[in-house]
Amino acid sequence: MSDYLVKALGFNGSIRAYAVTSTDTVSEAQRRHQTWRTASAALGRTLTAGVMMGAMLKGDEMLTIKINGGGPLGPILVDANAKGEVRGYVTNPQVDFEANEHGKLDVRRAVGTNGLLAVVKDIGMRDFFSGQVPLVSGELGEDFTYYFATSEQTPSSVGVGVLVNPDDSILAAGGFILQIMPGTDDKIITKLEERLKTIPPVSKLVEQGLTPEQLLAELFGDEPVKVLETLPVKFQCTCSKQRFADAIVGLGAQEITAMIEEDGKAEAHCHFCNEKYQFSKEELEELRNEAK
């Protein structure tokens, strides 16, 4: 089953909910970047949160998430849009550790806790919203929860999980974001909090084959869930050879001449998807003519 996301309401509209299965999406990121297990978990959790946050946008709006906790992974960067498309990378993909004291991948150690989670939203017309918070956990689910409460003043619960096979491939990935609407009764909040304490980790639920709708049913228990929209989700990069060609033209004729004389060719590399684009001497000469 391909990855997809569900937007929904629960508790008679008191709770706004997002749930997603992201196994294929995280698998594509792992394949492209050859991430090791702990790096895969950190990047996968961020991609999963990112695609749900992207689903909160409209039209051509986009957002960028940057997490830099000072750990050996280095910064994690993820872009997402309102169409269910997400891309991202981790600076040092070959990072892995022994399991932590709970027998799980030690994401906190890899990410670090001495740093920030920052979100920049491009909402069009050269208008940007940005917010950042200190990392409170390094496990990322709690950090996104803290971000929503602090930076967007929206009480939320964020669950993101990734299970990784011994051969580094992705077994299961998914997540949810629950947001409390203004004026929600305290009894509803208490009931939801109690429910969240009893359910298995979200990655385990995805491993069991639960769909996003079934994830929400698990989260809300006997409360009805009203599905508003479903959205296909995938790893999708916006890079292309033409984009890099335009960038090379922007360097100017003199810089392109230096490339031709020094190497006789050029290679462009996209950090987000790890794609490489080759430019021959002849192609560089054409670009130099454009630059002139």
C-alpha atoms as a PDB file:
ATOM      1  CA  MET A   1       0.000   0.000   0.000  1.00  0.00           C
ATOM      2  CA  SER A   2       1.369   3.419  -0.939  1.00  0.00           C
ATOM      3  CA  ASP A   3       1.889   6.050   1.726  1.00  0.00           C
ATOM      4  CA  TYR A   4      -0.939   8.460   2.427  1.00  0.00           C
ATOM      5  CA  LEU A   5      -2.124  10.969   4.975  1.00  0.00           C
ATOM      6  CA  VAL A   6      -5.513  11.599   6.545  1.00  0.00           C
ATOM      7  CA  LYS A   7      -6.877  14.875   7.915  1.00  0.00           C
ATOM      8  CA  ALA A   8      -9.698  14.388  10.382  1.00  0.00           C
ATOM      9  CA  LEU A   9     -11.656  15.682  13.356  1.00  0.00           C
ATOM     10  CA  GLY A  10     -12.438  13.870  16.608  1.00  0.00           C
ATOM     11  CA  PHE A  11     -14.470  14.475  19.750  1.00  0.00           C
ATOM     12  CA  ASN A  12     -17.154  16.374  17.780  1.00  0.00           C
ATOM     13  CA  GLY A  13     -14.645  18.742  16.207  1.00  0.00           C
ATOM     14  CA  SER A  14     -12.715  19.455  19.410  1.00  0.00           C
ATOM     15  CA  ILE A  15      -9.560  17.688  18.179  1.00  0.00           C
ATOM     16  CA  ARG A  16      -7.931  18.250  14.787  1.00  0.00           C
ATOM     17  CA  ALA A  17      -6.003  15.175  13.702  1.00  0.00           C
ATOM     18  CA  TYR A  18      -3.446  14.148  11.109  1.00  0.00           C
ATOM     19  CA  ALA A  19      -2.185  10.597  10.630  1.00  0.00           C
ATOM     20  CA  VAL A  20       0.200   9.208   8.023  1.00  0.00           C
ATOM     21  CA  THR A  21       1.906   6.042   6.901  1.00  0.00           C
ATOM     22  CA  SER A  22       5.338   6.992   5.554  1.00  0.00           C
ATOM     23  CA  THR A  23       7.193   3.689   5.151  1.00  0.00           C
ATOM     24  CA  ASP A  24       7.794   4.046   1.393  1.00  0.00           C
ATOM     25  CA  THR A  25       8.721   7.722   1.762  1.00  0.00           C
ATOM     26  CA  VAL A  26      11.319   7.048   4.449  1.00  0.00           C
ATOM     27  CA  SER A  27      12.557   4.018   2.482  1.00  0.00           C
ATOM     28  CA  GLU A  28      13.199   6.243  -0.529  1.00  0.00           C
ATOM     29  CA  ALA A  29      15.166   8.680   1.634  1.00  0.00           C
ATOM     30  CA  GLN A  30      17.169   5.803   3.127  1.00  0.00           C
ATOM     31  CA  ARG A  31      17.925   4.411  -0.323  1.00  0.00           C
ATOM     32  CA  ARG A  32      19.003   7.747  -1.735  1.00  0.00           C
ATOM     33  CA  HIS A  33      21.186   8.758   1.202  1.00  0.00           C
ATOM     34  CA  GLN A  34      22.317   5.280   2.338  1.00  0.00           C
ATOM     35  CA  THR A  35      21.545   6.206   5.942  1.00  0.00           C
ATOM     36  CA  TRP A  36      22.460   3.839   8.752  1.00  0.00           C
ATOM     37  CA  ARG A  37      19.855   2.744  11.287  1.00  0.00           C
ATOM     38  CA  THR A  38      19.917   5.570  13.832  1.00  0.00           C
ATOM     39  CA  ALA A  39      20.309   8.221  11.129  1.00  0.00           C
ATOM     40  CA  SER A  40      17.345   6.656   9.291  1.00  0.00           C
ATOM     41  CA  ALA A  41      15.203   6.890  12.419  1.00  0.00           C
ATOM     42  CA  ALA A  42      16.063  10.567  12.964  1.00  0.00           C
ATOM     43  CA  LEU A  43      15.578  11.564   9.328  1.00  0.00           C
ATOM     44  CA  GLY A  44      12.450   9.410   9.005  1.00  0.00           C
ATOM     45  CA  ARG A  45      10.821  10.954  12.062  1.00  0.00           C
ATOM     46  CA  THR A  46      11.532  14.435  10.723  1.00  0.00           C
ATOM     47  CA  LEU A  47      10.200  13.586   7.247  1.00  0.00           C
ATOM     48  CA  THR A  48       7.059  12.120   8.820  1.00  0.00           C
ATOM     49  CA  ALA A  49       6.432  15.195  10.976  1.00  0.00           C
ATOM     50  CA  GLY A  50       7.282  17.434   8.021  1.00  0.00           C
ATOM     51  CA  VAL A  51       4.785  15.896   5.632  1.00  0.00           C
ATOM     52  CA  MET A  52       1.990  16.261   8.226  1.00  0.00           C
ATOM     53  CA  MET A  53       2.959  19.885   8.880  1.00  0.00           C
ATOM     54  CA  GLY A  54       3.008  20.446   5.118  1.00  0.00           C
ATOM     55  CA  ALA A  55      -0.573  19.161   4.974  1.00  0.00           C
ATOM     56  CA  MET A  56      -1.555  22.064   7.235  1.00  0.00           C
ATOM     57  CA  LEU A  57      -0.540  24.499   4.468  1.00  0.00           C
ATOM     58  CA  LYS A  58      -2.542  25.601   1.429  1.00  0.00           C
ATOM     59  CA  GLY A  59      -1.930  25.896  -2.305  1.00  0.00           C
ATOM     60  CA  ASP A  60       1.713  26.476  -3.174  1.00  0.00           C
ATOM     61  CA  GLU A  61       2.845  27.177   0.392  1.00  0.00           C
ATOM     62  CA  MET A  62       5.955  25.352   1.588  1.00  0.00           C
ATOM     63  CA  LEU A  63       7.918  24.884   4.786  1.00  0.00           C
ATOM     64  CA  THR A  64      11.460  24.004   5.791  1.00  0.00           C
ATOM     65  CA  ILE A  65      12.397  22.273   9.023  1.00  0.00           C
ATOM     66  CA  LYS A  66      15.954  22.475  10.338  1.00  0.00           C
ATOM     67  CA  ILE A  67      17.041  20.526  13.395  1.00  0.00           C
ATOM     68  CA  ASN A  68      20.519  21.014  14.782  1.00  0.00           C
ATOM     69  CA  GLY A  69      21.064  19.510  18.200  1.00  0.00           C
ATOM     70  CA  GLY A  70      24.858  19.462  18.172  1.00  0.00           C
ATOM     71  CA  GLY A  71      24.977  15.658  17.879  1.00  0.00           C
ATOM     72  CA  PRO A  72      27.073  13.555  15.479  1.00  0.00           C
ATOM     73  CA  LEU A  73      24.284  13.512  12.859  1.00  0.00           C
ATOM     74  CA  GLY A  74      24.774  17.222  12.221  1.00  0.00           C
ATOM     75  CA  PRO A  75      21.834  19.284  10.964  1.00  0.00           C
ATOM     76  CA  ILE A  76      18.714  17.602   9.568  1.00  0.00           C
ATOM     77  CA  LEU A  77      16.915  19.532   6.809  1.00  0.00           C
ATOM     78  CA  VAL A  78      13.432  18.717   5.499  1.00  0.00           C
ATOM     79  CA  ASP A  79      11.210  20.533   2.971  1.00  0.00           C
ATOM     80  CA  ALA A  80       7.477  19.822   2.636  1.00  0.00           C
ATOM     81  CA  ASN A  81       4.510  21.276   0.789  1.00  0.00           C
ATOM     82  CA  ALA A  82       0.726  21.132   0.902  1.00  0.00           C
ATOM     83  CA  LYS A  83       0.592  18.389  -1.773  1.00  0.00           C
ATOM     84  CA  GLY A  84       2.011  15.560   0.329  1.00  0.00           C
ATOM     85  CA  GLU A  85       5.498  15.932  -1.132  1.00  0.00           C
ATOM     86  CA  VAL A  86       8.517  15.912   1.167  1.00  0.00           C
ATOM     87  CA  ARG A  87      12.281  15.718   0.790  1.00  0.00           C
ATOM     88  CA  GLY A  88      15.160  15.844   3.228  1.00  0.00           C
ATOM     89  CA  TYR A  89      18.628  14.832   4.273  1.00  0.00           C
ATOM     90  CA  VAL A  90      20.851  14.470   7.292  1.00  0.00           C
ATOM     91  CA  THR A  91      24.362  15.932   7.164  1.00  0.00           C
ATOM     92  CA  ASN A  92      26.117  12.754   8.351  1.00  0.00           C
ATOM     93  CA  PRO A  93      24.029   9.788   7.136  1.00  0.00           C
ATOM     94  CA  GLN A  94      26.355   7.027   8.353  1.00  0.00           C
ATOM     95  CA  VAL A  95      25.644   7.343  12.081  1.00  0.00           C
ATOM     96  CA  ASP A  96      24.520   4.449  14.261  1.00  0.00           C
ATOM     97  CA  PHE A  97      24.785   3.466  17.928  1.00  0.00           C
ATOM     98  CA  GLU A  98      23.955   0.608  20.230  1.00  0.00           C
ATOM     99  CA  ALA A  99      20.353   0.577  21.472  1.00  0.00           C
ATOM    100  CA  ASN A 100      19.515   2.921  24.360  1.00  0.00           C
ATOM    101  CA  GLU A 101      18.413   1.818  27.839  1.00  0.00           C
ATOM    102  CA  HIS A 102      14.902   1.134  26.493  1.00  0.00           C
ATOM    103  CA  GLY A 103      16.231  -1.160  23.758  1.00  0.00           C
ATOM    104  CA  LYS A 104      15.451   1.357  21.036  1.00  0.00           C
ATOM    105  CA  LEU A 105      17.523   3.276  18.493  1.00  0.00           C
ATOM    106  CA  ASP A 106      19.379   6.060  20.315  1.00  0.00           C
ATOM    107  CA  VAL A 107      18.032   8.995  18.305  1.00  0.00           C
ATOM    108  CA  ARG A 108      18.580  11.425  21.174  1.00  0.00           C
ATOM    109  CA  ARG A 109      22.328  10.675  21.208  1.00  0.00           C
ATOM    110  CA  ALA A 110      22.563  11.020  17.424  1.00  0.00           C
ATOM    111  CA  VAL A 111      20.592  14.273  17.192  1.00  0.00           C
ATOM    112  CA  GLY A 112      21.866  15.862  20.407  1.00  0.00           C
ATOM    113  CA  THR A 113      19.926  18.129  22.747  1.00  0.00           C
ATOM    114  CA  ASN A 114      22.028  21.280  22.654  1.00  0.00           C
ATOM    115  CA  GLY A 115      20.408  23.180  19.826  1.00  0.00           C
ATOM    116  CA  LEU A 116      17.251  24.253  18.039  1.00  0.00           C
ATOM    117  CA  LEU A 117      14.283  23.060  16.020  1.00  0.00           C
ATOM    118  CA  ALA A 118      13.437  25.772  13.488  1.00  0.00           C
ATOM    119  CA  VAL A 119      10.540  26.000  11.025  1.00  0.00           C
ATOM    120  CA  VAL A 120      10.274  28.499   8.172  1.00  0.00           C
ATOM    121  CA  LYS A 121       6.997  28.681   6.222  1.00  0.00           C
ATOM    122  CA  ASP A 122       6.913  30.246   2.781  1.00  0.00           C
ATOM    123  CA  ILE A 123       3.293  31.382   2.543  1.00  0.00           C
ATOM    124  CA  GLY A 124       3.668  33.183  -0.782  1.00  0.00           C
ATOM    125  CA  MET A 125       3.990  36.812  -1.875  1.00  0.00           C
ATOM    126  CA  ARG A 126       7.464  36.878  -0.293  1.00  0.00           C
ATOM    127  CA  ASP A 127       5.816  36.402   3.074  1.00  0.00           C
ATOM    128  CA  PHE A 128       7.504  34.102   5.586  1.00  0.00           C
ATOM    129  CA  PHE A 129       6.643  32.820   9.035  1.00  0.00           C
ATOM    130  CA  SER A 130       9.484  31.485  11.142  1.00  0.00           C
ATOM    131  CA  GLY A 131       9.639  30.003  14.589  1.00  0.00           C
ATOM    132  CA  GLN A 132      12.247  28.151  16.579  1.00  0.00           C
ATOM    133  CA  VAL A 133      12.461  26.398  19.923  1.00  0.00           C
ATOM    134  CA  PRO A 134      15.239  24.742  21.889  1.00  0.00           C
ATOM    135  CA  LEU A 135      15.322  20.963  21.641  1.00  0.00           C
ATOM    136  CA  VAL A 136      13.824  19.490  24.793  1.00  0.00           C
ATOM    137  CA  SER A 137      14.337  15.799  24.092  1.00  0.00           C
ATOM    138  CA  GLY A 138      16.244  14.981  20.906  1.00  0.00           C
ATOM    139  CA  GLU A 139      13.764  12.147  20.320  1.00  0.00           C
ATOM    140  CA  LEU A 140      11.920  14.592  17.999  1.00  0.00           C
ATOM    141  CA  GLY A 141       8.283  13.696  18.720  1.00  0.00           C
ATOM    142  CA  GLU A 142       8.434  15.592  22.006  1.00  0.00           C
ATOM    143  CA  ASP A 143      10.401  18.362  20.314  1.00  0.00           C
ATOM    144  CA  PHE A 144       7.696  18.909  17.683  1.00  0.00           C
ATOM    145  CA  THR A 145       5.061  18.819  20.441  1.00  0.00           C
ATOM    146  CA  TYR A 146       6.981  21.562  22.248  1.00  0.00           C
ATOM    147  CA  TYR A 147       7.345  23.539  19.006  1.00  0.00           C
ATOM    148  CA  PHE A 148       3.575  23.629  18.402  1.00  0.00           C
ATOM    149  CA  ALA A 149       2.802  24.620  21.991  1.00  0.00           C
ATOM    150  CA  THR A 150       5.492  27.301  22.188  1.00  0.00           C
ATOM    151  CA  SER A 151       5.910  28.730  18.699  1.00  0.00           C
ATOM    152  CA  GLU A 152       2.399  28.299  17.274  1.00  0.00           C
ATOM    153  CA  GLN A 153       0.474  28.384  20.586  1.00  0.00           C
ATOM    154  CA  THR A 154      -1.372  25.225  19.592  1.00  0.00           C
ATOM    155  CA  PRO A 155      -1.491  22.499  22.284  1.00  0.00           C
ATOM    156  CA  SER A 156      -0.607  19.328  20.367  1.00  0.00           C
ATOM    157  CA  SER A 157       0.577  15.768  20.697  1.00  0.00           C
ATOM    158  CA  VAL A 158       3.031  14.553  18.062  1.00  0.00           C
ATOM    159  CA  GLY A 159       3.934  10.905  17.612  1.00  0.00           C
ATOM    160  CA  VAL A 160       6.459   9.854  14.963  1.00  0.00           C
ATOM    161  CA  GLY A 161       8.146   6.482  14.642  1.00  0.00           C
ATOM    162  CA  VAL A 162      10.461   4.516  12.374  1.00  0.00           C
ATOM    163  CA  LEU A 163      11.383   0.837  12.639  1.00  0.00           C
ATOM    164  CA  VAL A 164      14.578  -0.180  10.835  1.00  0.00           C
ATOM    165  CA  ASN A 165      15.620  -3.677   9.771  1.00  0.00           C
ATOM    166  CA  PRO A 166      19.093  -5.063  10.634  1.00  0.00           C
ATOM    167  CA  ASP A 167      20.132  -4.516   6.980  1.00  0.00           C
ATOM    168  CA  ASP A 168      19.285  -0.768   7.298  1.00  0.00           C
ATOM    169  CA  SER A 169      16.112  -1.034   5.198  1.00  0.00           C
ATOM    170  CA  ILE A 170      12.920   0.514   6.599  1.00  0.00           C
ATOM    171  CA  LEU A 171      10.393  -1.845   8.175  1.00  0.00           C
ATOM    172  CA  ALA A 172       7.700   0.682   9.112  1.00  0.00           C
ATOM    173  CA  ALA A 173       7.233   4.428   9.515  1.00  0.00           C
ATOM    174  CA  GLY A 174       4.328   6.689  10.359  1.00  0.00           C
ATOM    175  CA  GLY A 175       2.989   9.272  12.718  1.00  0.00           C
ATOM    176  CA  PHE A 176       0.195  11.444  14.009  1.00  0.00           C
ATOM    177  CA  ILE A 177      -0.419  14.997  15.145  1.00  0.00           C
ATOM    178  CA  LEU A 178      -3.387  15.762  17.399  1.00  0.00           C
ATOM    179  CA  GLN A 179      -4.241  19.408  18.027  1.00  0.00           C
ATOM    180  CA  ILE A 180      -6.657  20.761  20.614  1.00  0.00           C
ATOM    181  CA  MET A 181      -9.059  23.342  19.234  1.00  0.00           C
ATOM    182  CA  PRO A 182      -9.834  26.519  21.230  1.00  0.00           C
ATOM    183  CA  GLY A 183     -12.520  26.071  23.870  1.00  0.00           C
ATOM    184  CA  THR A 184     -12.125  22.295  24.179  1.00  0.00           C
ATOM    185  CA  ASP A 185     -13.511  20.899  27.436  1.00  0.00           C
ATOM    186  CA  ASP A 186     -10.867  19.786  29.961  1.00  0.00           C
ATOM    187  CA  LYS A 187     -12.612  16.408  30.284  1.00  0.00           C
ATOM    188  CA  ILE A 188     -11.924  15.708  26.597  1.00  0.00           C
ATOM    189  CA  ILE A 189      -8.271  16.662  26.997  1.00  0.00           C
ATOM    190  CA  THR A 190      -7.927  14.382  30.033  1.00  0.00           C
ATOM    191  CA  LYS A 191      -9.613  11.485  28.231  1.00  0.00           C
ATOM    192  CA  LEU A 192      -7.307  11.898  25.239  1.00  0.00           C
ATOM    193  CA  GLU A 193      -4.204  12.114  27.430  1.00  0.00           C
ATOM    194  CA  GLU A 194      -5.176   8.893  29.201  1.00  0.00           C
ATOM    195  CA  ARG A 195      -5.764   7.196  25.874  1.00  0.00           C
ATOM    196  CA  LEU A 196      -2.341   8.240  24.554  1.00  0.00           C
ATOM    197  CA  LYS A 197      -0.670   6.646  27.575  1.00  0.00           C
ATOM    198  CA  THR A 198      -2.128   3.217  26.767  1.00  0.00           C
ATOM    199  CA  ILE A 199      -1.523   2.797  23.030  1.00  0.00           C
ATOM    200  CA  PRO A 200       1.587   1.094  21.567  1.00  0.00           C
ATOM    201  CA  PRO A 201       4.272   3.200  19.802  1.00  0.00           C
ATOM    202  CA  VAL A 202       3.043   4.481  16.439  1.00  0.00           C
ATOM    203  CA  SER A 203       5.754   2.595  14.507  1.00  0.00           C
ATOM    204  CA  LYS A 204       4.494  -0.670  16.010  1.00  0.00           C
ATOM    205  CA  LEU A 205       0.953   0.141  14.906  1.00  0.00           C
ATOM    206  CA  VAL A 206       2.155   0.818  11.351  1.00  0.00           C
ATOM    207  CA  GLU A 207       4.162  -2.424  11.424  1.00  0.00           C
ATOM    208  CA  GLN A 208       0.925  -4.227  12.300  1.00  0.00           C
ATOM    209  CA  GLY A 209      -0.537  -2.873   9.058  1.00  0.00           C
ATOM    210  CA  LEU A 210      -2.772  -0.152  10.444  1.00  0.00           C
ATOM    211  CA  THR A 211      -3.882   2.482   7.946  1.00  0.00           C
ATOM    212  CA  PRO A 212      -3.982   6.187   8.879  1.00  0.00           C
ATOM    213  CA  GLU A 213      -7.728   5.849   9.518  1.00  0.00           C
ATOM    214  CA  GLN A 214      -7.112   2.873  11.801  1.00  0.00           C
ATOM    215  CA  LEU A 215      -4.331   4.797  13.573  1.00  0.00           C
ATOM    216  CA  LEU A 216      -6.828   7.530  14.391  1.00  0.00           C
ATOM    217  CA  ALA A 217      -9.374   4.956  15.557  1.00  0.00           C
ATOM    218  CA  GLU A 218      -6.698   3.583  17.900  1.00  0.00           C
ATOM    219  CA  LEU A 219      -5.940   7.086  19.185  1.00  0.00           C
ATOM    220  CA  PHE A 220      -9.569   8.088  19.751  1.00  0.00           C
ATOM    221  CA  GLY A 221     -10.852   4.759  21.059  1.00  0.00           C
ATOM    222  CA  ASP A 222     -14.652   4.631  20.971  1.00  0.00           C
ATOM    223  CA  GLU A 223     -14.944   8.252  19.802  1.00  0.00           C
ATOM    224  CA  PRO A 224     -16.077   8.661  16.166  1.00  0.00           C
ATOM    225  CA  VAL A 225     -13.548  10.061  13.684  1.00  0.00           C
ATOM    226  CA  LYS A 226     -14.671  12.351  10.877  1.00  0.00           C
ATOM    227  CA  VAL A 227     -12.253  12.075   7.929  1.00  0.00           C
ATOM    228  CA  LEU A 228     -12.001  15.365   6.035  1.00  0.00           C
ATOM    229  CA  GLU A 229      -9.426  14.545   3.365  1.00  0.00           C
ATOM    230  CA  THR A 230      -6.879  11.958   2.273  1.00  0.00           C
ATOM    231  CA  LEU A 231      -3.621  12.886   0.553  1.00  0.00           C
ATOM    232  CA  PRO A 232      -1.015  10.682  -1.183  1.00  0.00           C
ATOM    233  CA  VAL A 233       2.455  11.093   0.307  1.00  0.00           C
ATOM    234  CA  LYS A 234       5.858  10.621  -1.347  1.00  0.00           C
ATOM    235  CA  PHE A 235       9.506  11.629  -1.303  1.00  0.00           C
ATOM    236  CA  GLN A 236       9.737  14.186  -4.094  1.00  0.00           C
ATOM    237  CA  CYS A 237      12.621  16.508  -4.905  1.00  0.00           C
ATOM    238  CA  THR A 238      12.288  19.714  -6.905  1.00  0.00           C
ATOM    239  CA  CYS A 239      15.794  19.607  -8.368  1.00  0.00           C
ATOM    240  CA  SER A 240      16.490  19.138 -12.079  1.00  0.00           C
ATOM    241  CA  LYS A 241      19.377  19.506 -14.497  1.00  0.00           C
ATOM    242  CA  GLN A 242      17.748  22.647 -15.885  1.00  0.00           C
ATOM    243  CA  ARG A 243      17.638  24.252 -12.432  1.00  0.00           C
ATOM    244  CA  PHE A 244      21.334  23.600 -11.948  1.00  0.00           C
ATOM    245  CA  ALA A 245      22.023  24.882 -15.470  1.00  0.00           C
ATOM    246  CA  ASP A 246      20.232  28.114 -14.616  1.00  0.00           C
ATOM    247  CA  ALA A 247      22.331  28.375 -11.462  1.00  0.00           C
ATOM    248  CA  ILE A 248      25.543  27.894 -13.446  1.00  0.00           C
ATOM    249  CA  VAL A 249      24.478  30.636 -15.871  1.00  0.00           C
ATOM    250  CA  GLY A 250      23.952  32.852 -12.847  1.00  0.00           C
ATOM    251  CA  LEU A 251      27.620  32.422 -11.909  1.00  0.00           C
ATOM    252  CA  GLY A 252      28.626  34.449 -14.961  1.00  0.00           C
ATOM    253  CA  ALA A 253      30.766  33.804 -18.024  1.00  0.00           C
ATOM    254  CA  GLN A 254      34.080  34.268 -16.238  1.00  0.00           C
ATOM    255  CA  GLU A 255      33.347  31.598 -13.623  1.00  0.00           C
ATOM    256  CA  ILE A 256      32.098  29.172 -16.294  1.00  0.00           C
ATOM    257  CA  THR A 257      35.281  29.752 -18.313  1.00  0.00           C
ATOM    258  CA  ALA A 258      37.309  28.814 -15.226  1.00  0.00           C
ATOM    259  CA  MET A 259      35.307  25.543 -14.936  1.00  0.00           C
ATOM    260  CA  ILE A 260      36.009  24.707 -18.581  1.00  0.00           C
ATOM    261  CA  GLU A 261      39.718  25.482 -18.335  1.00  0.00           C
ATOM    262  CA  GLU A 262      40.297  23.722 -14.997  1.00  0.00           C
ATOM    263  CA  ASP A 263      38.166  20.570 -15.348  1.00  0.00           C
ATOM    264  CA  GLY A 264      36.589  20.582 -18.792  1.00  0.00           C
ATOM    265  CA  LYS A 265      33.309  19.537 -17.159  1.00  0.00           C
ATOM    266  CA  ALA A 266      31.179  20.096 -14.063  1.00  0.00           C
ATOM    267  CA  GLU A 267      29.112  18.047 -11.638  1.00  0.00           C
ATOM    268  CA  ALA A 268      26.192  19.393  -9.626  1.00  0.00           C
ATOM    269  CA  HIS A 269      24.950  17.584  -6.522  1.00  0.00           C
ATOM    270  CA  CYS A 270      21.559  17.969  -4.827  1.00  0.00           C
ATOM    271  CA  HIS A 271      21.855  17.493  -1.067  1.00  0.00           C
ATOM    272  CA  PHE A 272      18.131  16.816  -0.670  1.00  0.00           C
ATOM    273  CA  CYS A 273      17.894  13.771  -2.947  1.00  0.00           C
ATOM    274  CA  ASN A 274      21.582  12.925  -3.565  1.00  0.00           C
ATOM    275  CA  GLU A 275      21.086  13.149  -7.341  1.00  0.00           C
ATOM    276  CA  LYS A 276      24.126  14.144  -9.408  1.00  0.00           C
ATOM    277  CA  TYR A 277      23.998  16.016 -12.728  1.00  0.00           C
ATOM    278  CA  GLN A 278      26.912  16.015 -15.187  1.00  0.00           C
ATOM    279  CA  PHE A 279      27.715  18.915 -17.517  1.00  0.00           C
ATOM    280  CA  SER A 280      30.104  18.269 -20.431  1.00  0.00           C
ATOM    281  CA  LYS A 281      32.517  20.830 -21.829  1.00  0.00           C
ATOM    282  CA  GLU A 282      30.117  21.466 -24.719  1.00  0.00           C
ATOM    283  CA  GLU A 283      27.199  22.038 -22.353  1.00  0.00           C
ATOM    284  CA  LEU A 284      29.277  24.440 -20.261  1.00  0.00           C
ATOM    285  CA  GLU A 285      30.209  26.364 -23.403  1.00  0.00           C
ATOM    286  CA  GLU A 286      26.521  26.718 -24.270  1.00  0.00           C
ATOM    287  CA  LEU A 287      25.804  27.953 -20.756  1.00  0.00           C
ATOM    288  CA  ARG A 288      28.677  30.425 -21.012  1.00  0.00           C
ATOM    289  CA  ASN A 289      27.130  31.806 -24.194  1.00  0.00           C
ATOM    290  CA  GLU A 290      23.828  32.246 -22.303  1.00  0.00           C
ATOM    291  CA  ALA A 291      25.673  34.019 -19.497  1.00  0.00           C
ATOM    292  CA  LYS A 292      27.197  36.468 -21.971  1.00  0.00           C
END
